[in-house]
Amino acid sequence: MKKFLILLLILVAIGAVAVVTCPDRLAHKDAVMSVVNEKINEEITPEKNGEGLAVFGVALSSSIIEYALDKHLTVKNHFVYSEGFLMRDGSSERLSVGVFGHVFTFSKEDLDRMLDGMK
């Protein structure tokens, strides 16, 4: 009986920590923007595009993506974890999952596949 109570107490404590540290909308947006900005910085470089154009391109691309996320990112909070969805044309696509204060997103390779599918 004692082991059961200890196990139950541990599970309740883990659940409470998950609820308290569940990432919010801003954490999901920041995590997605981080991956997108890494990809933009890889694609738009001074060697490929020239110094001035590269700086302008990175700034413009980041601003456009941030605006789109502000408008179309929806986060569903499930108390112990949360999911970030991109809502477009009546459908949704999962972008991120957050748990214990960390947001897991797609990788740069997944971003390449998504962009190839939009062409």
Protein backbone atom coordinates (compact mmCIF):
# COMPACT_ATOMS: atom_id res chain seq x y z
CA MET A 1 0.00 0.00 0.00
CA LYS A 2 2.84 2.33 0.85
CA LYS A 3 4.51 1.80 -2.55
CA PHE A 4 1.23 2.57 -4.30
CA LEU A 5 0.85 5.87 -2.42
CA ILE A 6 4.43 6.86 -3.20
CA LEU A 7 3.92 6.03 -6.88
CA LEU A 8 0.66 7.99 -6.91
CA LEU A 9 2.34 10.96 -5.24
CA ILE A 10 5.16 10.89 -7.81
CA LEU A 11 2.68 10.78 -10.72
CA VAL A 12 0.69 13.67 -9.26
CA ALA A 13 3.90 15.69 -8.82
CA ILE A 14 4.97 15.01 -12.43
CA GLY A 15 1.51 15.99 -13.65
CA ALA A 16 1.57 19.20 -11.61
CA VAL A 17 4.98 20.14 -13.01
CA ALA A 18 3.72 19.46 -16.55
CA VAL A 19 0.69 21.69 -16.00
CA VAL A 20 2.74 24.55 -14.55
CA THR A 21 5.42 24.40 -17.25
CA CYS A 22 3.09 23.89 -20.24
CA PRO A 23 4.37 26.21 -23.04
CA ASP A 24 2.11 29.05 -24.19
CA ARG A 25 1.47 30.55 -27.65
CA LEU A 26 4.53 32.82 -27.48
CA ALA A 27 6.83 29.87 -26.75
CA HIS A 28 5.45 28.00 -29.77
CA LYS A 29 5.84 31.07 -32.00
CA ASP A 30 9.44 31.62 -30.83
CA ALA A 31 10.37 27.97 -31.45
CA VAL A 32 8.92 27.98 -34.97
CA MET A 33 10.54 31.34 -35.76
CA SER A 34 13.90 29.99 -34.57
CA VAL A 35 13.82 27.11 -37.08
CA VAL A 36 12.53 29.34 -39.89
CA ASN A 37 15.19 31.99 -39.21
CA GLU A 38 17.94 29.34 -39.29
CA LYS A 39 16.67 28.18 -42.68
CA ILE A 40 16.41 31.74 -44.01
CA ASN A 41 19.96 32.49 -42.87
CA GLU A 42 21.20 29.38 -44.69
CA GLU A 43 19.40 30.26 -47.92
CA ILE A 44 19.99 34.01 -48.03
CA THR A 45 23.71 34.57 -47.66
CA PRO A 46 25.97 37.45 -48.72
CA GLU A 47 27.87 35.03 -50.99
CA LYS A 48 24.70 34.12 -52.92
CA ASN A 49 22.79 37.38 -52.80
CA GLY A 50 25.21 40.22 -52.05
CA GLU A 51 25.72 41.89 -48.67
CA GLY A 52 22.96 44.51 -48.79
CA LEU A 53 20.39 42.26 -50.42
CA ALA A 54 21.08 39.45 -47.95
CA VAL A 55 20.49 41.69 -44.92
CA PHE A 56 17.31 43.10 -46.48
CA GLY A 57 16.09 39.64 -47.51
CA VAL A 58 16.58 38.13 -44.07
CA ALA A 59 14.81 41.03 -42.37
CA LEU A 60 11.91 41.01 -44.82
CA SER A 61 11.49 37.23 -44.75
CA SER A 62 11.52 37.13 -40.95
CA SER A 63 8.95 39.91 -40.77
CA ILE A 64 6.63 38.18 -43.22
CA ILE A 65 6.87 34.82 -41.42
CA GLU A 66 6.31 36.47 -38.04
CA TYR A 67 3.23 38.30 -39.38
CA ALA A 68 1.85 35.04 -40.81
CA LEU A 69 2.40 33.24 -37.51
CA ASP A 70 0.68 36.05 -35.60
CA LYS A 71 -2.37 35.64 -37.83
CA HIS A 72 -2.51 31.88 -38.38
CA LEU A 73 -0.84 30.14 -35.42
CA THR A 74 -3.29 28.50 -33.05
CA VAL A 75 -2.18 26.77 -29.87
CA LYS A 76 -4.32 24.15 -28.18
CA ASN A 77 -3.53 23.72 -24.51
CA HIS A 78 -4.19 20.20 -23.20
CA PHE A 79 -3.10 21.09 -19.63
CA VAL A 80 -0.02 18.83 -19.52
CA TYR A 81 1.08 19.56 -23.11
CA SER A 82 0.20 21.97 -25.89
CA GLU A 83 0.14 21.79 -29.68
CA GLY A 84 0.75 24.56 -32.19
CA PHE A 85 -1.18 24.48 -35.46
CA LEU A 86 -0.94 26.57 -38.61
CA MET A 87 -4.49 27.28 -39.76
CA ARG A 88 -4.88 27.89 -43.49
CA ASP A 89 -7.69 27.35 -45.99
CA GLY A 90 -9.89 25.69 -43.38
CA SER A 91 -7.32 23.02 -42.57
CA SER A 92 -4.68 22.82 -39.89
CA GLU A 93 -1.17 21.47 -39.84
CA ARG A 94 0.68 20.69 -36.62
CA LEU A 95 3.86 22.74 -36.31
CA SER A 96 4.93 22.10 -32.74
CA VAL A 97 4.31 20.20 -29.52
CA GLY A 98 5.21 21.64 -26.13
CA VAL A 99 5.73 19.86 -22.83
CA PHE A 100 7.68 20.58 -19.61
CA GLY A 101 8.58 24.10 -20.78
CA HIS A 102 10.11 22.99 -24.09
CA VAL A 103 8.63 23.24 -27.57
CA PHE A 104 9.51 20.59 -30.13
CA THR A 105 9.15 21.72 -33.74
CA PHE A 106 9.85 20.48 -37.20
CA SER A 107 13.43 20.34 -38.42
CA LYS A 108 14.96 22.29 -41.31
CA GLU A 109 14.67 19.15 -43.44
CA ASP A 110 10.94 18.95 -42.68
CA LEU A 111 10.66 22.61 -43.64
CA ASP A 112 12.27 21.82 -46.99
CA ARG A 113 9.70 19.06 -47.59
CA MET A 114 6.82 21.40 -46.65
CA LEU A 115 8.09 24.09 -48.98
CA ASP A 116 8.55 21.58 -51.80
CA GLY A 117 4.94 20.48 -51.32
CA MET A 118 3.73 24.08 -51.73
CA LYS A 119 5.38 24.52 -55.14
